Amino acid sequence: MAYNKQAQEALNKFKYEVATELGVNLKQGYNGDLTSAQAGSVGGEMVKQMIARQEQSMSGGSY
């Protein structure tokens, strides 16, 4: 599977930032101790913020 390493690193950084904002103790590697709700809240918030940024970008505003 080909991917952009720089994009992957940026996405991981974003994931940890969102987890910190939500108070979820996300660590490098295995996170099996998280509940489904905790893991889902990080992913859901990431999507919410990405959509908001894209909408802002499309409307000509800066984020």
C-alpha atoms as a PDB file:
ATOM      1  CA  MET A   1       0.000   0.000   0.000  1.00  0.00           C
ATOM      2  CA  ALA A   2       1.497   3.281  -1.099  1.00  0.00           C
ATOM      3  CA  TYR A   3       0.964   6.329   1.072  1.00  0.00           C
ATOM      4  CA  ASN A   4       2.451   9.688   1.742  1.00  0.00           C
ATOM      5  CA  LYS A   5       4.621   9.374   4.851  1.00  0.00           C
ATOM      6  CA  GLN A   6       4.395  13.103   5.567  1.00  0.00           C
ATOM      7  CA  ALA A   7       0.595  13.008   5.395  1.00  0.00           C
ATOM      8  CA  GLN A   8       0.502   9.955   7.669  1.00  0.00           C
ATOM      9  CA  GLU A   9       2.711  11.697  10.227  1.00  0.00           C
ATOM     10  CA  ALA A  10       0.514  14.814  10.137  1.00  0.00           C
ATOM     11  CA  LEU A  11      -2.609  12.700  10.652  1.00  0.00           C
ATOM     12  CA  ASN A  12      -1.030  10.902  13.619  1.00  0.00           C
ATOM     13  CA  LYS A  13      -0.007  14.227  15.163  1.00  0.00           C
ATOM     14  CA  PHE A  14      -3.581  15.491  14.685  1.00  0.00           C
ATOM     15  CA  LYS A  15      -4.949  12.318  16.316  1.00  0.00           C
ATOM     16  CA  TYR A  16      -2.824  12.835  19.434  1.00  0.00           C
ATOM     17  CA  GLU A  17      -3.780  16.532  19.607  1.00  0.00           C
ATOM     18  CA  VAL A  18      -7.487  15.656  19.455  1.00  0.00           C
ATOM     19  CA  ALA A  19      -7.070  12.908  22.055  1.00  0.00           C
ATOM     20  CA  THR A  20      -5.357  15.383  24.381  1.00  0.00           C
ATOM     21  CA  GLU A  21      -8.151  17.933  23.861  1.00  0.00           C
ATOM     22  CA  LEU A  22     -10.712  15.270  24.786  1.00  0.00           C
ATOM     23  CA  GLY A  23      -8.739  13.992  27.776  1.00  0.00           C
ATOM     24  CA  VAL A  24      -8.229  10.545  26.229  1.00  0.00           C
ATOM     25  CA  ASN A  25      -4.923   8.940  27.214  1.00  0.00           C
ATOM     26  CA  LEU A  26      -3.790   7.816  23.766  1.00  0.00           C
ATOM     27  CA  LYS A  27      -0.301   6.396  23.639  1.00  0.00           C
ATOM     28  CA  GLN A  28       2.053   5.158  20.922  1.00  0.00           C
ATOM     29  CA  GLY A  29       1.395   1.540  20.007  1.00  0.00           C
ATOM     30  CA  TYR A  30      -1.257  -0.591  21.677  1.00  0.00           C
ATOM     31  CA  ASN A  31      -4.330   1.195  23.060  1.00  0.00           C
ATOM     32  CA  GLY A  32      -6.492  -1.807  23.908  1.00  0.00           C
ATOM     33  CA  ASP A  33      -7.235  -0.355  27.327  1.00  0.00           C
ATOM     34  CA  LEU A  34      -9.394   2.392  25.761  1.00  0.00           C
ATOM     35  CA  THR A  35     -13.128   1.937  25.709  1.00  0.00           C
ATOM     36  CA  SER A  36     -14.978   1.955  22.400  1.00  0.00           C
ATOM     37  CA  ALA A  37     -16.504   5.279  23.410  1.00  0.00           C
ATOM     38  CA  GLN A  38     -13.085   6.842  24.015  1.00  0.00           C
ATOM     39  CA  ALA A  39     -11.631   5.592  20.747  1.00  0.00           C
ATOM     40  CA  GLY A  40     -14.760   6.598  18.859  1.00  0.00           C
ATOM     41  CA  SER A  41     -14.775  10.054  20.373  1.00  0.00           C
ATOM     42  CA  VAL A  42     -11.256  10.695  19.052  1.00  0.00           C
ATOM     43  CA  GLY A  43     -12.126   9.524  15.546  1.00  0.00           C
ATOM     44  CA  GLY A  44     -15.431  11.372  15.545  1.00  0.00           C
ATOM     45  CA  GLU A  45     -13.860  14.623  16.688  1.00  0.00           C
ATOM     46  CA  MET A  46     -11.120  14.281  14.079  1.00  0.00           C
ATOM     47  CA  VAL A  47     -13.720  13.970  11.337  1.00  0.00           C
ATOM     48  CA  LYS A  48     -15.745  16.873  12.739  1.00  0.00           C
ATOM     49  CA  GLN A  49     -12.682  19.142  12.791  1.00  0.00           C
ATOM     50  CA  MET A  50     -11.535  18.069   9.306  1.00  0.00           C
ATOM     51  CA  ILE A  51     -14.975  18.824   7.870  1.00  0.00           C
ATOM     52  CA  ALA A  52     -15.053  22.219   9.583  1.00  0.00           C
ATOM     53  CA  ARG A  53     -11.606  23.075   8.213  1.00  0.00           C
ATOM     54  CA  GLN A  54     -12.572  22.015   4.706  1.00  0.00           C
ATOM     55  CA  GLU A  55     -15.814  24.017   4.824  1.00  0.00           C
ATOM     56  CA  GLN A  56     -13.847  27.035   6.040  1.00  0.00           C
ATOM     57  CA  SER A  57     -11.343  26.575   3.237  1.00  0.00           C
ATOM     58  CA  MET A  58     -14.080  26.234   0.604  1.00  0.00           C
ATOM     59  CA  SER A  59     -15.825  29.367   1.810  1.00  0.00           C
ATOM     60  CA  GLY A  60     -12.662  31.383   1.253  1.00  0.00           C
ATOM     61  CA  GLY A  61     -11.908  31.930   4.910  1.00  0.00           C
ATOM     62  CA  SER A  62      -8.737  31.035   6.685  1.00  0.00           C
ATOM     63  CA  TYR A  63      -8.528  28.617   9.586  1.00  0.00           C
END
